[in-house]
């Protein structure tokens, strides 16, 4: 997982910066989960040794495997919240930026509608038949 994250950051396989950031956040969350699980596994193995609990806590820097799990949940929740925020922001920005502009004036066209009409139809190609 760490190698995949490193390669993703190094090679930048996505054209869109937002997609790249979202993919990096997901890959980081996966790395946090893998490392957290490994840390919990090692913590439980240390607890099984005939040493004092204070030594295990000193070596592992966490008070219990539950504390490790809590830290993992917090980090992944923060990453998910950031990814959701970026996604919502980009979706809102995309809807407000989708405007047709005229080539000559670089301004939106002035469209008029007759009474009772609600929509315009944009036909990009026409065929003479």
Foldseek 3Di string as FASTA:
>chain_A
DVVVLVCCVVVVPDPDPLVSLLVNLVVVLVVLVVVLVVLQVVLVVVVPDPDDLVVSCVVSVDNHNVRSVVVSVVSNVVSVVVNVVSVVVVVVVVVVPPADADPVPRHGDDDDDDPPDDDDDDDPDDDDD
